[in-house]
Amino acid sequence: MSKPPIGASRTGRKLGQKVKKGKLKASSRRWIERHINDPYVQRAKLEGYRARAAYKLLEIDEKHEILKGARRIVDLGSAPGSWSQIAAKVTNSTEGNIRVAAIDFLEMDPLPGVHFIQMDFLDDRAPSLLTDALDGAPDLVISDMAAPTTGHKKTDHLRTMHLCEVAAYFAVDVLAEGGHFLTKTFQGGAENDLLTMLKQNFRQVLHIKPGASRSESVEMFLLAKGFKGRREKDGDVQA
């Protein structure tokens, strides 16, 4: 489904472009140069995706087929919307039959077939608003959430791992049996308690580093496949 860019840019733009020094800080100039010379950025523009992150999802799906047969999808941390674009396409979501619910505390331009909620996912109202937007349980929960960075690596790691954990428990609460859960995590892995919980509730749990994820980035993705379903015990639903 997704092939890595090969050689020069498919947009015709030459790679290796430099940004004039001007008044930019060295770090800012290096970021801009890396961005404009990134073949995935250029390919996203050519193919109409809002961000290069689209290829992370497409590459994971190419190997693990998590989008296959998905009828409803929840997209956490959706802005600017490249994963929601893919979700709307594979579910055939339309304005008259919404099959994709997305949330982010950042603004996101409207997408046909996507019900977008601008809200912090940690808000107590968020889970019910997402599920209310769909006519049935989702088959897939995807999360590209990351906490705003503070500059302190340990703090940033813990905050993003907390989002990962909250997303995982949300997935267990709402997924249809057989559904899948995909979330961003960081190298160093998820906490043992979280992995144990996922292994209890899904048939397969694994870490993935897609080719579209920059090699210098510490991000990885945690994939839990084949939700076993919720069991009732002593009158309560147990996950």
Protein backbone atom coordinates (compact mmCIF):
# COMPACT_ATOMS: atom_id res chain seq x y z
CA MET A 1 0.00 0.00 0.00
CA SER A 2 2.79 2.39 0.86
CA LYS A 3 6.19 2.31 -0.77
CA PRO A 4 9.12 4.35 0.58
CA PRO A 5 10.23 7.23 -1.60
CA ILE A 6 13.17 6.32 -3.83
CA GLY A 7 15.89 8.63 -5.10
CA ALA A 8 14.96 12.17 -5.99
CA SER A 9 11.68 13.77 -5.06
CA ARG A 10 8.62 12.73 -7.02
CA THR A 11 7.58 16.38 -6.96
CA GLY A 12 10.56 17.31 -9.07
CA ARG A 13 12.12 19.25 -6.23
CA LYS A 14 15.82 18.56 -5.74
CA LEU A 15 16.87 17.10 -2.43
CA GLY A 16 19.71 18.65 -0.45
CA GLN A 17 18.39 22.21 -0.55
CA LYS A 18 19.88 24.68 1.91
CA VAL A 19 18.16 27.50 3.76
CA LYS A 20 19.90 30.87 3.84
CA LYS A 21 21.15 31.84 7.26
CA GLY A 22 19.42 35.20 7.54
CA LYS A 23 18.09 35.76 11.05
CA LEU A 24 17.17 32.14 11.70
CA LYS A 25 18.73 30.26 14.57
CA ALA A 26 20.92 27.36 13.53
CA SER A 27 18.53 24.83 15.05
CA SER A 28 15.55 26.35 13.21
CA ARG A 29 17.44 26.38 9.94
CA ARG A 30 18.40 22.71 10.32
CA TRP A 31 14.75 21.77 11.04
CA ILE A 32 13.52 23.62 7.94
CA GLU A 33 16.21 22.05 5.76
CA ARG A 34 15.36 18.58 7.03
CA HIS A 35 11.66 19.21 6.45
CA ILE A 36 11.89 20.52 2.88
CA ASN A 37 14.34 17.77 1.91
CA ASP A 38 12.28 14.98 3.47
CA PRO A 39 11.00 12.74 0.63
CA TYR A 40 7.98 11.72 2.72
CA VAL A 41 7.00 15.39 3.15
CA GLN A 42 7.24 15.89 -0.59
CA ARG A 43 5.34 12.72 -1.34
CA ALA A 44 2.55 13.73 1.07
CA LYS A 45 2.12 17.00 -0.82
CA LEU A 46 2.01 15.15 -4.14
CA GLU A 47 -0.52 12.56 -2.97
CA GLY A 48 -2.74 14.96 -1.04
CA TYR A 49 -2.03 13.91 2.55
CA ARG A 50 -1.93 16.58 5.23
CA ALA A 51 1.26 15.23 6.84
CA ARG A 52 4.04 12.70 6.31
CA ALA A 53 2.59 10.75 9.25
CA ALA A 54 0.15 9.18 6.77
CA TYR A 55 2.89 6.84 5.61
CA LYS A 56 3.56 5.57 9.12
CA LEU A 57 -0.01 4.29 9.30
CA LEU A 58 0.04 2.98 5.73
CA GLU A 59 3.31 1.10 6.28
CA ILE A 60 2.03 -0.47 9.50
CA ASP A 61 -1.18 -1.48 7.74
CA GLU A 62 0.72 -2.93 4.79
CA LYS A 63 2.29 -5.52 7.09
CA HIS A 64 -0.38 -5.97 9.77
CA GLU A 65 -3.65 -5.20 7.90
CA ILE A 66 -5.27 -3.24 10.70
CA LEU A 67 -7.37 -1.14 8.31
CA LYS A 68 -8.78 -4.13 6.45
CA GLY A 69 -12.48 -4.48 7.12
CA ALA A 70 -12.61 -1.54 9.53
CA ARG A 71 -16.13 -0.08 9.60
CA ARG A 72 -15.65 2.55 12.32
CA ILE A 73 -12.44 4.24 13.50
CA VAL A 74 -11.54 6.58 16.36
CA ASP A 75 -8.51 8.82 15.75
CA LEU A 76 -6.89 10.28 18.89
CA GLY A 77 -4.51 13.23 18.47
CA SER A 78 -5.74 13.62 14.92
CA ALA A 79 -4.45 17.06 13.84
CA PRO A 80 -3.56 17.96 11.14
CA GLY A 81 -5.61 15.03 9.86
CA SER A 82 -3.59 12.64 7.69
CA TRP A 83 -4.65 9.54 9.65
CA SER A 84 -8.27 10.72 9.58
CA GLN A 85 -8.00 11.09 5.80
CA ILE A 86 -7.02 7.43 5.52
CA ALA A 87 -9.66 6.36 8.04
CA ALA A 88 -12.45 8.13 6.15
CA LYS A 89 -11.37 6.52 2.90
CA VAL A 90 -11.16 2.91 4.14
CA THR A 91 -14.49 3.13 6.03
CA ASN A 92 -16.29 4.95 3.21
CA SER A 93 -17.34 7.54 5.78
CA THR A 94 -19.59 10.33 4.55
CA GLU A 95 -21.35 13.32 6.04
CA GLY A 96 -24.57 11.32 5.98
CA ASN A 97 -23.00 8.25 7.54
CA ILE A 98 -20.16 9.23 9.88
CA ARG A 99 -17.77 6.37 10.56
CA VAL A 100 -14.72 8.28 11.81
CA ALA A 101 -14.54 10.24 15.08
CA ALA A 102 -11.40 12.30 15.72
CA ILE A 103 -10.16 14.44 18.59
CA ASP A 104 -7.29 16.86 19.24
CA PHE A 105 -6.77 19.90 21.44
CA LEU A 106 -5.32 21.61 18.33
CA GLU A 107 -7.47 22.93 15.50
CA MET A 108 -8.00 20.69 12.48
CA ASP A 109 -9.48 21.78 9.18
CA PRO A 110 -12.73 19.93 8.36
CA LEU A 111 -12.57 16.62 6.52
CA PRO A 112 -15.54 15.04 4.72
CA GLY A 113 -16.84 12.08 6.69
CA VAL A 114 -14.89 12.91 9.87
CA HIS A 115 -16.57 14.09 13.06
CA PHE A 116 -13.87 16.22 14.69
CA ILE A 117 -13.91 17.31 18.33
CA GLN A 118 -11.47 20.00 19.44
CA MET A 119 -10.83 19.00 23.02
CA ASP A 120 -8.14 17.56 25.27
CA PHE A 121 -8.60 13.80 25.27
CA LEU A 122 -7.96 13.83 29.02
CA ASP A 123 -11.19 15.80 29.49
CA ASP A 124 -13.72 13.56 31.23
CA ARG A 125 -16.30 14.28 28.52
CA ALA A 126 -14.09 13.17 25.62
CA PRO A 127 -14.70 9.39 25.60
CA SER A 128 -18.50 9.65 25.51
CA LEU A 129 -18.42 12.40 22.86
CA LEU A 130 -16.30 10.19 20.63
CA THR A 131 -18.45 7.10 20.99
CA ASP A 132 -21.68 9.11 20.62
CA ALA A 133 -20.42 10.33 17.23
CA LEU A 134 -20.39 6.77 15.87
CA ASP A 135 -23.34 4.47 15.28
CA GLY A 136 -21.70 1.46 16.89
CA ALA A 137 -18.44 0.27 18.41
CA PRO A 138 -15.20 1.10 16.54
CA ASP A 139 -13.12 -1.66 14.98
CA LEU A 140 -9.95 0.37 15.30
CA VAL A 141 -8.60 2.99 17.72
CA ILE A 142 -5.50 4.83 16.51
CA SER A 143 -3.52 7.34 18.53
CA ASP A 144 -0.73 9.65 17.43
CA MET A 145 -0.96 11.67 20.65
CA ALA A 146 2.13 13.14 22.26
CA ALA A 147 2.28 15.54 25.18
CA PRO A 148 3.62 19.07 24.57
CA THR A 149 7.33 18.97 25.29
CA THR A 150 8.89 20.67 28.29
CA GLY A 151 12.52 20.12 27.31
CA HIS A 152 12.99 17.68 30.17
CA LYS A 153 13.30 14.26 28.51
CA LYS A 154 12.13 12.17 31.45
CA THR A 155 9.11 14.40 32.07
CA ASP A 156 8.18 14.42 28.39
CA HIS A 157 8.47 10.64 28.22
CA LEU A 158 6.26 10.11 31.28
CA ARG A 159 3.60 12.52 30.03
CA THR A 160 3.37 10.88 26.62
CA MET A 161 3.34 7.41 28.16
CA HIS A 162 0.41 8.53 30.31
CA LEU A 163 -1.48 9.45 27.14
CA CYS A 164 -0.60 6.07 25.70
CA GLU A 165 -2.00 4.35 28.78
CA VAL A 166 -5.23 6.39 28.82
CA ALA A 167 -5.72 5.65 25.10
CA ALA A 168 -5.21 1.93 25.74
CA TYR A 169 -7.86 1.79 28.46
CA PHE A 170 -10.23 3.75 26.23
CA ALA A 171 -9.67 1.23 23.44
CA VAL A 172 -10.45 -1.68 25.76
CA ASP A 173 -13.63 0.11 26.87
CA VAL A 174 -15.00 0.80 23.38
CA LEU A 175 -13.56 -1.60 20.78
CA ALA A 176 -15.66 -4.21 19.05
CA GLU A 177 -14.48 -7.79 19.52
CA GLY A 178 -11.64 -8.53 17.10
CA GLY A 179 -10.71 -4.85 16.84
CA HIS A 180 -7.22 -3.36 16.95
CA PHE A 181 -5.44 -0.59 18.86
CA LEU A 182 -2.42 1.40 17.63
CA THR A 183 -0.65 4.09 19.64
CA LYS A 184 2.51 6.14 19.53
CA THR A 185 5.02 5.33 22.24
CA PHE A 186 8.70 6.03 22.81
CA GLN A 187 11.80 3.87 22.76
CA GLY A 188 12.22 2.51 26.23
CA GLY A 189 8.82 0.93 25.71
CA ALA A 190 5.56 0.97 27.52
CA GLU A 191 5.28 0.25 31.21
CA ASN A 192 5.06 -3.42 32.16
CA ASP A 193 1.60 -2.97 33.71
CA LEU A 194 0.28 -1.53 30.45
CA LEU A 195 1.80 -4.32 28.36
CA THR A 196 0.37 -6.91 30.72
CA MET A 197 -3.09 -5.37 30.43
CA LEU A 198 -2.91 -5.32 26.63
CA LYS A 199 -1.70 -8.92 26.45
CA GLN A 200 -4.63 -9.97 28.62
CA ASN A 201 -7.10 -8.26 26.29
CA PHE A 202 -5.58 -8.72 22.83
CA ARG A 203 -4.30 -11.75 20.97
CA GLN A 204 -1.05 -10.10 19.86
CA VAL A 205 0.95 -7.12 21.16
CA LEU A 206 4.09 -5.79 19.48
CA HIS A 207 6.29 -2.70 19.04
CA ILE A 208 6.87 -1.32 15.52
CA LYS A 209 9.25 1.22 14.00
CA PRO A 210 7.90 2.03 10.50
CA GLY A 211 10.28 3.22 7.83
CA ALA A 212 8.49 6.58 7.62
CA SER A 213 9.43 7.28 11.25
CA ARG A 214 12.68 9.23 11.20
CA SER A 215 15.63 7.11 12.29
CA GLU A 216 16.79 9.73 14.80
CA SER A 217 13.34 9.92 16.40
CA VAL A 218 12.70 8.00 19.63
CA GLU A 219 9.09 7.35 18.61
CA MET A 220 7.80 3.84 18.08
CA PHE A 221 4.31 2.41 17.80
CA LEU A 222 2.59 -0.10 20.03
CA LEU A 223 0.12 -2.33 18.22
CA ALA A 224 -2.42 -4.57 19.96
CA LYS A 225 -4.30 -6.85 17.55
CA GLY A 226 -7.43 -8.91 17.97
CA PHE A 227 -9.40 -7.57 20.92
CA LYS A 228 -10.76 -10.53 22.88
CA GLY A 229 -13.92 -8.72 23.96
CA ARG A 230 -15.31 -7.68 27.31
CA ARG A 231 -16.37 -10.31 29.84
CA GLU A 232 -19.12 -9.90 32.40
CA LYS A 233 -18.29 -10.94 35.92
CA ASP A 234 -20.36 -10.38 39.06
CA GLY A 235 -22.60 -7.97 37.15
CA ASP A 236 -19.72 -5.73 36.07
CA VAL A 237 -17.97 -5.53 32.72
CA GLN A 238 -14.37 -6.59 33.15
CA ALA A 239 -11.56 -5.68 30.79
